[in-house]
Amino acid sequence: MKATDFGKVGVLYGGKAAERKVSLVSGAAVCEALKSKGIDAHLFDTGTQDVASLQQAQFDRVFIALHGRYGEDGCVQGLLEQMQVPYTGSGVMASAIAMDKIMTKRVWIAEGLPTPRYMELKADSDPIDVVEYLGLPLIVKPAHEGSTIGLTKVTSPDQLAAAYQKAAEMDSAVLAEEFIAGKELTCAVIDRNGEPEALPLIRIIAPDANYDYHNKYFSNETQYLCPCGLDIGIEEAIKEYVLRAYKALGCRGWGRVDVMLRESDSKPFLLELNASPGMTGHSLVPIAARQGGLSYEDLCVTLLEGATLDYIHHKKG
């Protein structure tokens, strides 16, 4: 597509979720990249500007650079469907499922895909039962947050109540998950010519093996290895799992699947799927795209080219 073919483009960023700060950086970078390609791109902060303003802007298509609730969970996607404004990324249902870690696991398990064992925690969950089923250490996290927000690594049963409380303050649904010791990996997927393509894997090596919010977005000590250094057979097998996971949730446009490769037997475990990944200077999809021969600017244009609506997508399918 030529730059003029895109029309007036809105880059939705900011929002009201816990990941607002990251989204502000992602959106600004995306908008600048699109402008550098001659595209008529405009920032729109859904956290400070209302729906009426979005309608008045009369965007021809939208790049969603929102992370977390109200932007990555199907809410904005549904609004854009009503307005009939094509948008990047997954549709309403796939976005909603991907945002819900419990529902994601249910789908993946039904599809026979490997994911760590889990339990949905309640305020009265028996710590002994949880530990007996999942072992120690284990992970407790909100079901609808990203960027490790509200996450706790639990190493003894008496820590479980505090971990639950921390997550429950951010979400009505909390899960406890089996801890997988091994290599931390991520695999980006982008759609090109209507087909999803798994980009080169990235291995993440964080300080003290703690890939928390700070080490994700602000630390210069976190290492991102791409090529990841794995045996080619293992990498290709993980890519196949990732593509199956992506398709199982009904995703389109792009996404990123986080994976743990267990140290003891090199078995991969799918953790979650990010339907609207970060696009900051520390973000992972741009790193993988560069390794695959796609610059940041070209990546943004490729994603924008894929902007669509659910009903159009279903007609084509």
C-alpha atoms as a PDB file:
ATOM      1  CA  MET A   1       0.000   0.000   0.000  1.00  0.00           C
ATOM      2  CA  LYS A   2       1.072   3.573  -0.646  1.00  0.00           C
ATOM      3  CA  ALA A   3       1.168   5.991   2.291  1.00  0.00           C
ATOM      4  CA  THR A   4      -1.870   7.854   0.969  1.00  0.00           C
ATOM      5  CA  ASP A   5      -3.894   4.620   0.791  1.00  0.00           C
ATOM      6  CA  PHE A   6      -4.070   4.424   4.580  1.00  0.00           C
ATOM      7  CA  GLY A   7      -5.999   7.691   4.893  1.00  0.00           C
ATOM      8  CA  LYS A   8      -6.138   9.343   8.292  1.00  0.00           C
ATOM      9  CA  VAL A   9      -4.649   6.948  10.864  1.00  0.00           C
ATOM     10  CA  GLY A  10      -5.257   7.043  14.600  1.00  0.00           C
ATOM     11  CA  VAL A  11      -2.708   5.585  16.996  1.00  0.00           C
ATOM     12  CA  LEU A  12      -4.621   4.691  20.149  1.00  0.00           C
ATOM     13  CA  TYR A  13      -2.346   4.843  23.184  1.00  0.00           C
ATOM     14  CA  GLY A  14      -2.239   5.664  26.890  1.00  0.00           C
ATOM     15  CA  GLY A  15      -5.536   4.324  28.177  1.00  0.00           C
ATOM     16  CA  LYS A  16      -6.566   3.713  31.766  1.00  0.00           C
ATOM     17  CA  ALA A  17      -4.861   0.425  32.580  1.00  0.00           C
ATOM     18  CA  ALA A  18      -1.919  -0.262  34.881  1.00  0.00           C
ATOM     19  CA  GLU A  19       0.317  -0.361  31.792  1.00  0.00           C
ATOM     20  CA  ARG A  20      -0.551   3.206  30.763  1.00  0.00           C
ATOM     21  CA  LYS A  21       3.046   4.481  31.013  1.00  0.00           C
ATOM     22  CA  VAL A  22       4.311   1.746  28.714  1.00  0.00           C
ATOM     23  CA  SER A  23       1.496   2.378  26.252  1.00  0.00           C
ATOM     24  CA  LEU A  24       2.340   6.077  26.080  1.00  0.00           C
ATOM     25  CA  VAL A  25       5.885   5.196  25.013  1.00  0.00           C
ATOM     26  CA  SER A  26       4.713   2.488  22.580  1.00  0.00           C
ATOM     27  CA  GLY A  27       2.166   4.740  20.902  1.00  0.00           C
ATOM     28  CA  ALA A  28       4.509   7.692  20.519  1.00  0.00           C
ATOM     29  CA  ALA A  29       7.131   5.473  18.873  1.00  0.00           C
ATOM     30  CA  VAL A  30       4.589   3.863  16.526  1.00  0.00           C
ATOM     31  CA  CYS A  31       3.152   7.233  15.496  1.00  0.00           C
ATOM     32  CA  GLU A  32       6.619   8.607  14.751  1.00  0.00           C
ATOM     33  CA  ALA A  33       7.474   5.515  12.707  1.00  0.00           C
ATOM     34  CA  LEU A  34       4.298   5.794  10.618  1.00  0.00           C
ATOM     35  CA  LYS A  35       4.882   9.498  10.021  1.00  0.00           C
ATOM     36  CA  SER A  36       8.430   8.718   8.862  1.00  0.00           C
ATOM     37  CA  LYS A  37       6.830   6.597   6.132  1.00  0.00           C
ATOM     38  CA  GLY A  38       4.630   9.481   5.004  1.00  0.00           C
ATOM     39  CA  ILE A  39       1.467   8.205   6.685  1.00  0.00           C
ATOM     40  CA  ASP A  40      -1.011  10.736   8.101  1.00  0.00           C
ATOM     41  CA  ALA A  41      -0.834   9.403  11.680  1.00  0.00           C
ATOM     42  CA  HIS A  42      -2.276  11.051  14.806  1.00  0.00           C
ATOM     43  CA  LEU A  43      -2.006  10.127  18.490  1.00  0.00           C
ATOM     44  CA  PHE A  44      -5.225   9.574  20.435  1.00  0.00           C
ATOM     45  CA  ASP A  45      -5.109   8.981  24.202  1.00  0.00           C
ATOM     46  CA  THR A  46      -8.099   6.861  25.212  1.00  0.00           C
ATOM     47  CA  GLY A  47      -7.344   7.635  28.837  1.00  0.00           C
ATOM     48  CA  THR A  48      -7.995  11.361  28.489  1.00  0.00           C
ATOM     49  CA  GLN A  49     -10.123  11.649  25.338  1.00  0.00           C
ATOM     50  CA  ASP A  50     -13.687  10.334  25.125  1.00  0.00           C
ATOM     51  CA  VAL A  51     -15.635   8.276  22.596  1.00  0.00           C
ATOM     52  CA  ALA A  52     -17.239  11.347  21.056  1.00  0.00           C
ATOM     53  CA  SER A  53     -13.779  12.726  20.300  1.00  0.00           C
ATOM     54  CA  LEU A  54     -12.807   9.430  18.704  1.00  0.00           C
ATOM     55  CA  GLN A  55     -15.840   9.590  16.432  1.00  0.00           C
ATOM     56  CA  GLN A  56     -15.154  13.211  15.570  1.00  0.00           C
ATOM     57  CA  ALA A  57     -11.565  12.371  14.617  1.00  0.00           C
ATOM     58  CA  GLN A  58     -12.921  10.326  11.684  1.00  0.00           C
ATOM     59  CA  PHE A  59      -9.979   7.972  11.417  1.00  0.00           C
ATOM     60  CA  ASP A  60      -9.923   5.707   8.379  1.00  0.00           C
ATOM     61  CA  ARG A  61      -8.054   3.025  10.314  1.00  0.00           C
ATOM     62  CA  VAL A  62      -6.483   2.648  13.731  1.00  0.00           C
ATOM     63  CA  PHE A  63      -3.261   1.230  15.151  1.00  0.00           C
ATOM     64  CA  ILE A  64      -3.954  -0.064  18.664  1.00  0.00           C
ATOM     65  CA  ALA A  65      -0.907   0.607  20.856  1.00  0.00           C
ATOM     66  CA  LEU A  66      -2.837   0.094  24.092  1.00  0.00           C
ATOM     67  CA  HIS A  67      -1.817  -2.493  26.684  1.00  0.00           C
ATOM     68  CA  GLY A  68      -3.928  -4.118  29.364  1.00  0.00           C
ATOM     69  CA  ARG A  69      -7.555  -3.575  30.229  1.00  0.00           C
ATOM     70  CA  TYR A  70      -9.849  -1.461  28.077  1.00  0.00           C
ATOM     71  CA  GLY A  71      -7.386  -1.658  25.205  1.00  0.00           C
ATOM     72  CA  GLU A  72      -6.165  -5.217  24.849  1.00  0.00           C
ATOM     73  CA  ASP A  73      -9.212  -7.051  26.201  1.00  0.00           C
ATOM     74  CA  GLY A  74     -11.806  -6.562  23.459  1.00  0.00           C
ATOM     75  CA  CYS A  75     -13.376  -3.356  24.806  1.00  0.00           C
ATOM     76  CA  VAL A  76     -11.812  -0.918  22.330  1.00  0.00           C
ATOM     77  CA  GLN A  77     -12.052  -3.549  19.609  1.00  0.00           C
ATOM     78  CA  GLY A  78     -15.821  -3.757  20.150  1.00  0.00           C
ATOM     79  CA  LEU A  79     -16.145   0.018  20.033  1.00  0.00           C
ATOM     80  CA  LEU A  80     -14.236   0.177  16.746  1.00  0.00           C
ATOM     81  CA  GLU A  81     -16.431  -2.599  15.348  1.00  0.00           C
ATOM     82  CA  GLN A  82     -19.480  -0.450  16.149  1.00  0.00           C
ATOM     83  CA  MET A  83     -17.832   2.532  14.467  1.00  0.00           C
ATOM     84  CA  GLN A  84     -16.715   0.344  11.541  1.00  0.00           C
ATOM     85  CA  VAL A  85     -13.131   1.599  11.777  1.00  0.00           C
ATOM     86  CA  PRO A  86     -10.592  -1.122  10.848  1.00  0.00           C
ATOM     87  CA  TYR A  87      -7.977  -1.746  13.558  1.00  0.00           C
ATOM     88  CA  THR A  88      -4.750  -3.652  14.043  1.00  0.00           C
ATOM     89  CA  GLY A  89      -4.502  -6.890  15.983  1.00  0.00           C
ATOM     90  CA  SER A  90      -7.007  -9.465  17.115  1.00  0.00           C
ATOM     91  CA  GLY A  91     -10.763  -9.093  17.141  1.00  0.00           C
ATOM     92  CA  VAL A  92     -13.155  -8.827  20.069  1.00  0.00           C
ATOM     93  CA  MET A  93     -13.368 -12.463  21.159  1.00  0.00           C
ATOM     94  CA  ALA A  94      -9.712 -13.369  20.651  1.00  0.00           C
ATOM     95  CA  SER A  95      -8.592 -10.224  22.493  1.00  0.00           C
ATOM     96  CA  ALA A  96     -10.909 -10.968  25.417  1.00  0.00           C
ATOM     97  CA  ILE A  97      -9.764 -14.582  25.732  1.00  0.00           C
ATOM     98  CA  ALA A  98      -6.066 -13.756  25.399  1.00  0.00           C
ATOM     99  CA  MET A  99      -6.383 -11.123  28.140  1.00  0.00           C
ATOM    100  CA  ASP A 100      -7.854 -13.726  30.496  1.00  0.00           C
ATOM    101  CA  LYS A 101      -5.035 -16.065  31.537  1.00  0.00           C
ATOM    102  CA  ILE A 102      -7.470 -18.648  32.943  1.00  0.00           C
ATOM    103  CA  MET A 103      -9.584 -18.798  29.785  1.00  0.00           C
ATOM    104  CA  THR A 104      -6.414 -18.940  27.680  1.00  0.00           C
ATOM    105  CA  LYS A 105      -5.234 -21.969  29.632  1.00  0.00           C
ATOM    106  CA  ARG A 106      -8.603 -23.682  29.258  1.00  0.00           C
ATOM    107  CA  VAL A 107      -8.465 -23.297  25.484  1.00  0.00           C
ATOM    108  CA  TRP A 108      -4.849 -24.418  25.222  1.00  0.00           C
ATOM    109  CA  ILE A 109      -5.426 -27.435  27.453  1.00  0.00           C
ATOM    110  CA  ALA A 110      -8.473 -28.401  25.352  1.00  0.00           C
ATOM    111  CA  GLU A 111      -6.241 -28.173  22.267  1.00  0.00           C
ATOM    112  CA  GLY A 112      -3.592 -30.392  23.848  1.00  0.00           C
ATOM    113  CA  LEU A 113      -1.023 -27.619  24.122  1.00  0.00           C
ATOM    114  CA  PRO A 114       1.543 -27.630  26.956  1.00  0.00           C
ATOM    115  CA  THR A 115       0.990 -25.006  29.654  1.00  0.00           C
ATOM    116  CA  PRO A 116       1.902 -25.050  33.363  1.00  0.00           C
ATOM    117  CA  ARG A 117      -0.659 -26.535  35.750  1.00  0.00           C
ATOM    118  CA  TYR A 118      -2.782 -23.973  37.532  1.00  0.00           C
ATOM    119  CA  MET A 119      -5.519 -23.366  40.069  1.00  0.00           C
ATOM    120  CA  GLU A 120      -7.930 -20.458  40.324  1.00  0.00           C
ATOM    121  CA  LEU A 121      -7.385 -19.002  43.798  1.00  0.00           C
ATOM    122  CA  LYS A 122     -10.087 -17.780  46.157  1.00  0.00           C
ATOM    123  CA  ALA A 123      -9.772 -15.955  49.468  1.00  0.00           C
ATOM    124  CA  ASP A 124     -10.480 -19.218  51.300  1.00  0.00           C
ATOM    125  CA  SER A 125      -8.241 -21.487  49.190  1.00  0.00           C
ATOM    126  CA  ASP A 126      -6.338 -23.942  51.392  1.00  0.00           C
ATOM    127  CA  PRO A 127      -2.588 -23.222  51.010  1.00  0.00           C
ATOM    128  CA  ILE A 128      -1.731 -26.858  51.678  1.00  0.00           C
ATOM    129  CA  ASP A 129      -4.009 -28.056  48.851  1.00  0.00           C
ATOM    130  CA  VAL A 130      -2.522 -25.503  46.466  1.00  0.00           C
ATOM    131  CA  VAL A 131       1.050 -26.452  47.305  1.00  0.00           C
ATOM    132  CA  GLU A 132       0.307 -30.174  47.112  1.00  0.00           C
ATOM    133  CA  TYR A 133      -1.061 -29.765  43.594  1.00  0.00           C
ATOM    134  CA  LEU A 134       1.366 -27.200  42.152  1.00  0.00           C
ATOM    135  CA  GLY A 135       4.489 -27.733  44.237  1.00  0.00           C
ATOM    136  CA  LEU A 136       6.940 -25.028  45.323  1.00  0.00           C
ATOM    137  CA  PRO A 137       7.925 -22.519  44.250  1.00  0.00           C
ATOM    138  CA  LEU A 138       4.764 -21.398  42.474  1.00  0.00           C
ATOM    139  CA  ILE A 139       3.525 -18.210  40.819  1.00  0.00           C
ATOM    140  CA  VAL A 140       0.500 -16.151  41.863  1.00  0.00           C
ATOM    141  CA  LYS A 141      -0.793 -13.462  39.515  1.00  0.00           C
ATOM    142  CA  PRO A 142      -3.915 -11.556  38.468  1.00  0.00           C
ATOM    143  CA  ALA A 143      -5.772 -13.194  35.577  1.00  0.00           C
ATOM    144  CA  HIS A 144      -6.221  -9.961  33.616  1.00  0.00           C
ATOM    145  CA  GLU A 145      -2.977  -8.014  34.055  1.00  0.00           C
ATOM    146  CA  GLY A 146       0.242  -8.020  32.052  1.00  0.00           C
ATOM    147  CA  SER A 147       3.871  -6.966  32.459  1.00  0.00           C
ATOM    148  CA  THR A 148       4.176  -9.121  35.633  1.00  0.00           C
ATOM    149  CA  ILE A 149       2.024  -6.550  37.493  1.00  0.00           C
ATOM    150  CA  GLY A 150       0.727  -8.051  40.741  1.00  0.00           C
ATOM    151  CA  LEU A 151       2.847 -11.199  40.336  1.00  0.00           C
ATOM    152  CA  THR A 152       4.479 -12.991  43.282  1.00  0.00           C
ATOM    153  CA  LYS A 153       6.818 -15.974  43.364  1.00  0.00           C
ATOM    154  CA  VAL A 154       5.725 -18.014  46.385  1.00  0.00           C
ATOM    155  CA  THR A 155       8.323 -20.214  48.080  1.00  0.00           C
ATOM    156  CA  SER A 156       6.392 -21.355  51.174  1.00  0.00           C
ATOM    157  CA  PRO A 157       2.692 -21.974  52.001  1.00  0.00           C
ATOM    158  CA  ASP A 158       2.579 -19.104  54.505  1.00  0.00           C
ATOM    159  CA  GLN A 159       3.303 -16.609  51.700  1.00  0.00           C
ATOM    160  CA  LEU A 160       0.235 -17.600  49.710  1.00  0.00           C
ATOM    161  CA  ALA A 161      -2.305 -15.407  51.506  1.00  0.00           C
ATOM    162  CA  ALA A 162      -0.277 -12.224  50.996  1.00  0.00           C
ATOM    163  CA  ALA A 163       0.384 -13.144  47.354  1.00  0.00           C
ATOM    164  CA  TYR A 164      -3.327 -13.684  46.790  1.00  0.00           C
ATOM    165  CA  GLN A 165      -4.182 -10.371  48.433  1.00  0.00           C
ATOM    166  CA  LYS A 166      -1.670  -8.502  46.279  1.00  0.00           C
ATOM    167  CA  ALA A 167      -3.140  -9.948  43.084  1.00  0.00           C
ATOM    168  CA  ALA A 168      -6.765  -9.638  44.252  1.00  0.00           C
ATOM    169  CA  GLU A 169      -6.315  -5.903  44.810  1.00  0.00           C
ATOM    170  CA  MET A 170      -5.873  -5.602  41.035  1.00  0.00           C
ATOM    171  CA  ASP A 171      -8.263  -8.230  39.772  1.00  0.00           C
ATOM    172  CA  SER A 172     -11.365 -10.228  40.680  1.00  0.00           C
ATOM    173  CA  ALA A 173      -9.727 -13.384  39.294  1.00  0.00           C
ATOM    174  CA  VAL A 174      -6.417 -14.747  40.596  1.00  0.00           C
ATOM    175  CA  LEU A 175      -4.516 -17.833  39.543  1.00  0.00           C
ATOM    176  CA  ALA A 176      -1.726 -19.858  41.034  1.00  0.00           C
ATOM    177  CA  GLU A 177       0.552 -21.498  38.498  1.00  0.00           C
ATOM    178  CA  GLU A 178       3.194 -24.205  38.554  1.00  0.00           C
ATOM    179  CA  PHE A 179       6.681 -22.710  38.414  1.00  0.00           C
ATOM    180  CA  ILE A 180       8.779 -23.918  35.496  1.00  0.00           C
ATOM    181  CA  ALA A 181      12.522 -23.666  36.053  1.00  0.00           C
ATOM    182  CA  GLY A 182      14.444 -23.125  32.834  1.00  0.00           C
ATOM    183  CA  LYS A 183      15.030 -20.763  29.960  1.00  0.00           C
ATOM    184  CA  GLU A 184      12.657 -17.828  29.471  1.00  0.00           C
ATOM    185  CA  LEU A 185      11.692 -17.322  25.844  1.00  0.00           C
ATOM    186  CA  THR A 186       9.247 -15.337  23.791  1.00  0.00           C
ATOM    187  CA  CYS A 187       8.007 -15.779  20.244  1.00  0.00           C
ATOM    188  CA  ALA A 188       6.385 -13.017  18.195  1.00  0.00           C
ATOM    189  CA  VAL A 189       3.842 -13.776  15.491  1.00  0.00           C
ATOM    190  CA  ILE A 190       2.883 -11.416  12.679  1.00  0.00           C
ATOM    191  CA  ASP A 191       0.451 -11.966   9.819  1.00  0.00           C
ATOM    192  CA  ARG A 192       1.894 -11.427   6.371  1.00  0.00           C
ATOM    193  CA  ASN A 193      -0.220 -12.006   3.272  1.00  0.00           C
ATOM    194  CA  GLY A 194      -2.983 -13.376   5.476  1.00  0.00           C
ATOM    195  CA  GLU A 195      -0.865 -16.085   7.103  1.00  0.00           C
ATOM    196  CA  PRO A 196       0.652 -16.022  10.613  1.00  0.00           C
ATOM    197  CA  GLU A 197       4.429 -16.274  10.724  1.00  0.00           C
ATOM    198  CA  ALA A 198       6.482 -17.060  13.818  1.00  0.00           C
ATOM    199  CA  LEU A 199       9.492 -14.742  14.073  1.00  0.00           C
ATOM    200  CA  PRO A 200      12.863 -15.816  15.536  1.00  0.00           C
ATOM    201  CA  LEU A 201      12.707 -16.707  19.231  1.00  0.00           C
ATOM    202  CA  ILE A 202      14.213 -14.412  21.837  1.00  0.00           C
ATOM    203  CA  ARG A 203      15.827 -15.726  24.988  1.00  0.00           C
ATOM    204  CA  ILE A 204      15.466 -13.368  27.943  1.00  0.00           C
ATOM    205  CA  ILE A 205      18.146 -13.249  30.641  1.00  0.00           C
ATOM    206  CA  ALA A 206      17.109 -10.865  33.400  1.00  0.00           C
ATOM    207  CA  PRO A 207      19.152  -9.767  36.432  1.00  0.00           C
ATOM    208  CA  ASP A 208      18.764 -12.397  39.187  1.00  0.00           C
ATOM    209  CA  ALA A 209      16.376 -14.236  36.829  1.00  0.00           C
ATOM    210  CA  ASN A 210      13.720 -11.683  37.755  1.00  0.00           C
ATOM    211  CA  TYR A 211      11.979 -10.383  34.640  1.00  0.00           C
ATOM    212  CA  ASP A 212       9.757  -7.926  36.504  1.00  0.00           C
ATOM    213  CA  TYR A 213       8.195  -4.630  35.373  1.00  0.00           C
ATOM    214  CA  HIS A 214      11.411  -2.659  35.861  1.00  0.00           C
ATOM    215  CA  ASN A 215      13.598  -5.214  34.105  1.00  0.00           C
ATOM    216  CA  LYS A 216      11.099  -5.471  31.233  1.00  0.00           C
ATOM    217  CA  TYR A 217      10.900  -1.799  30.373  1.00  0.00           C
ATOM    218  CA  PHE A 218      13.579   0.266  32.076  1.00  0.00           C
ATOM    219  CA  SER A 219      16.642  -1.820  32.894  1.00  0.00           C
ATOM    220  CA  ASN A 220      19.630  -1.910  30.565  1.00  0.00           C
ATOM    221  CA  GLU A 221      20.933  -5.034  32.290  1.00  0.00           C
ATOM    222  CA  THR A 222      18.345  -7.435  30.862  1.00  0.00           C
ATOM    223  CA  GLN A 223      19.779  -9.409  27.949  1.00  0.00           C
ATOM    224  CA  TYR A 224      17.764 -10.338  24.856  1.00  0.00           C
ATOM    225  CA  LEU A 225      19.410 -13.071  22.802  1.00  0.00           C
ATOM    226  CA  CYS A 226      18.176 -13.225  19.217  1.00  0.00           C
ATOM    227  CA  PRO A 227      19.219 -15.622  17.756  1.00  0.00           C
ATOM    228  CA  CYS A 228      18.266 -17.393  20.958  1.00  0.00           C
ATOM    229  CA  GLY A 229      21.046 -20.007  20.833  1.00  0.00           C
ATOM    230  CA  LEU A 230      18.768 -23.045  21.009  1.00  0.00           C
ATOM    231  CA  ASP A 231      19.134 -26.155  18.890  1.00  0.00           C
ATOM    232  CA  ILE A 232      17.322 -25.444  15.613  1.00  0.00           C
ATOM    233  CA  GLY A 233      15.045 -28.453  16.093  1.00  0.00           C
ATOM    234  CA  ILE A 234      13.891 -27.223  19.501  1.00  0.00           C
ATOM    235  CA  GLU A 235      13.340 -23.692  18.208  1.00  0.00           C
ATOM    236  CA  GLU A 236      11.242 -24.902  15.285  1.00  0.00           C
ATOM    237  CA  ALA A 237       9.182 -27.140  17.578  1.00  0.00           C
ATOM    238  CA  ILE A 238       8.468 -24.185  19.877  1.00  0.00           C
ATOM    239  CA  LYS A 239       7.447 -22.062  16.888  1.00  0.00           C
ATOM    240  CA  GLU A 240       4.947 -24.732  15.871  1.00  0.00           C
ATOM    241  CA  TYR A 241       3.447 -24.768  19.375  1.00  0.00           C
ATOM    242  CA  VAL A 242       3.255 -20.963  19.299  1.00  0.00           C
ATOM    243  CA  LEU A 243       1.442 -20.898  15.957  1.00  0.00           C
ATOM    244  CA  ARG A 244      -1.020 -23.513  17.206  1.00  0.00           C
ATOM    245  CA  ALA A 245      -1.578 -21.484  20.365  1.00  0.00           C
ATOM    246  CA  TYR A 246      -2.115 -18.295  18.350  1.00  0.00           C
ATOM    247  CA  LYS A 247      -4.627 -19.946  16.042  1.00  0.00           C
ATOM    248  CA  ALA A 248      -6.417 -21.728  18.893  1.00  0.00           C
ATOM    249  CA  LEU A 249      -7.357 -18.377  20.442  1.00  0.00           C
ATOM    250  CA  GLY A 250      -8.477 -17.024  17.071  1.00  0.00           C
ATOM    251  CA  CYS A 251      -5.833 -14.296  16.983  1.00  0.00           C
ATOM    252  CA  ARG A 252      -4.924 -12.271  13.938  1.00  0.00           C
ATOM    253  CA  GLY A 253      -2.615  -9.410  12.951  1.00  0.00           C
ATOM    254  CA  TRP A 254       0.099 -10.019  15.497  1.00  0.00           C
ATOM    255  CA  GLY A 255       0.829 -11.234  18.998  1.00  0.00           C
ATOM    256  CA  ARG A 256       3.548 -12.581  21.250  1.00  0.00           C
ATOM    257  CA  VAL A 257       3.606 -15.831  23.194  1.00  0.00           C
ATOM    258  CA  ASP A 258       5.759 -16.209  26.305  1.00  0.00           C
ATOM    259  CA  VAL A 259       7.322 -19.636  26.787  1.00  0.00           C
ATOM    260  CA  MET A 260       9.373 -21.450  29.423  1.00  0.00           C
ATOM    261  CA  LEU A 261      11.731 -24.220  28.322  1.00  0.00           C
ATOM    262  CA  ARG A 262      12.102 -26.605  31.255  1.00  0.00           C
ATOM    263  CA  GLU A 263      15.725 -27.166  32.180  1.00  0.00           C
ATOM    264  CA  SER A 264      15.323 -30.803  33.206  1.00  0.00           C
ATOM    265  CA  ASP A 265      13.956 -32.138  29.900  1.00  0.00           C
ATOM    266  CA  SER A 266      13.815 -29.223  27.386  1.00  0.00           C
ATOM    267  CA  LYS A 267      10.015 -29.385  27.320  1.00  0.00           C
ATOM    268  CA  PRO A 268       8.329 -26.077  26.364  1.00  0.00           C
ATOM    269  CA  PHE A 269       5.411 -24.613  28.326  1.00  0.00           C
ATOM    270  CA  LEU A 270       3.211 -21.819  26.983  1.00  0.00           C
ATOM    271  CA  LEU A 271       2.597 -19.114  29.594  1.00  0.00           C
ATOM    272  CA  GLU A 272       0.370 -16.489  27.966  1.00  0.00           C
ATOM    273  CA  LEU A 273      -0.364 -14.639  24.755  1.00  0.00           C
ATOM    274  CA  ASN A 274      -0.048 -10.875  24.447  1.00  0.00           C
ATOM    275  CA  ALA A 275      -2.490  -9.663  21.792  1.00  0.00           C
ATOM    276  CA  SER A 276      -1.169  -6.078  21.816  1.00  0.00           C
ATOM    277  CA  PRO A 277       2.540  -6.324  22.669  1.00  0.00           C
ATOM    278  CA  GLY A 278       4.775  -3.443  23.639  1.00  0.00           C
ATOM    279  CA  MET A 279       6.489  -1.356  20.987  1.00  0.00           C
ATOM    280  CA  THR A 280       9.004   0.529  23.151  1.00  0.00           C
ATOM    281  CA  GLY A 281      12.776   0.563  22.816  1.00  0.00           C
ATOM    282  CA  HIS A 282      12.949  -2.434  25.164  1.00  0.00           C
ATOM    283  CA  SER A 283      10.088  -4.326  23.513  1.00  0.00           C
ATOM    284  CA  LEU A 284      10.479  -7.806  22.108  1.00  0.00           C
ATOM    285  CA  VAL A 285       8.474  -7.890  18.883  1.00  0.00           C
ATOM    286  CA  PRO A 286      10.656  -5.200  17.231  1.00  0.00           C
ATOM    287  CA  ILE A 287      13.786  -7.119  18.270  1.00  0.00           C
ATOM    288  CA  ALA A 288      12.503 -10.326  16.653  1.00  0.00           C
ATOM    289  CA  ALA A 289      11.306  -8.429  13.569  1.00  0.00           C
ATOM    290  CA  ARG A 290      14.753  -6.912  13.058  1.00  0.00           C
ATOM    291  CA  GLN A 291      16.290 -10.356  13.270  1.00  0.00           C
ATOM    292  CA  GLY A 292      13.770 -11.445  10.642  1.00  0.00           C
ATOM    293  CA  GLY A 293      14.788  -8.596   8.336  1.00  0.00           C
ATOM    294  CA  LEU A 294      12.004  -6.125   9.181  1.00  0.00           C
ATOM    295  CA  SER A 295      12.833  -2.655  10.512  1.00  0.00           C
ATOM    296  CA  TYR A 296      10.742  -1.008  13.233  1.00  0.00           C
ATOM    297  CA  GLU A 297       9.177   1.353  10.690  1.00  0.00           C
ATOM    298  CA  ASP A 298       8.374  -1.443   8.240  1.00  0.00           C
ATOM    299  CA  LEU A 299       6.960  -3.544  11.083  1.00  0.00           C
ATOM    300  CA  CYS A 300       4.539  -0.739  11.987  1.00  0.00           C
ATOM    301  CA  VAL A 301       3.437  -0.363   8.369  1.00  0.00           C
ATOM    302  CA  THR A 302       3.002  -4.139   7.975  1.00  0.00           C
ATOM    303  CA  LEU A 303       0.762  -4.272  11.039  1.00  0.00           C
ATOM    304  CA  LEU A 304      -1.239  -1.274   9.855  1.00  0.00           C
ATOM    305  CA  GLU A 305      -1.747  -2.910   6.456  1.00  0.00           C
ATOM    306  CA  GLY A 306      -3.463  -5.772   8.269  1.00  0.00           C
ATOM    307  CA  ALA A 307      -6.003  -3.538  10.033  1.00  0.00           C
ATOM    308  CA  THR A 308      -9.471  -5.010   9.598  1.00  0.00           C
ATOM    309  CA  LEU A 309     -12.808  -5.698  11.276  1.00  0.00           C
ATOM    310  CA  ASP A 310     -14.207  -8.949  12.647  1.00  0.00           C
ATOM    311  CA  TYR A 311     -16.996  -9.251  10.109  1.00  0.00           C
ATOM    312  CA  ILE A 312     -14.648  -8.574   7.184  1.00  0.00           C
ATOM    313  CA  HIS A 313     -12.201 -11.134   8.569  1.00  0.00           C
ATOM    314  CA  HIS A 314     -14.967 -13.735   8.898  1.00  0.00           C
ATOM    315  CA  LYS A 315     -16.189 -13.107   5.357  1.00  0.00           C
ATOM    316  CA  LYS A 316     -12.678 -13.701   4.039  1.00  0.00           C
ATOM    317  CA  GLY A 317     -12.354 -16.817   6.159  1.00  0.00           C
END
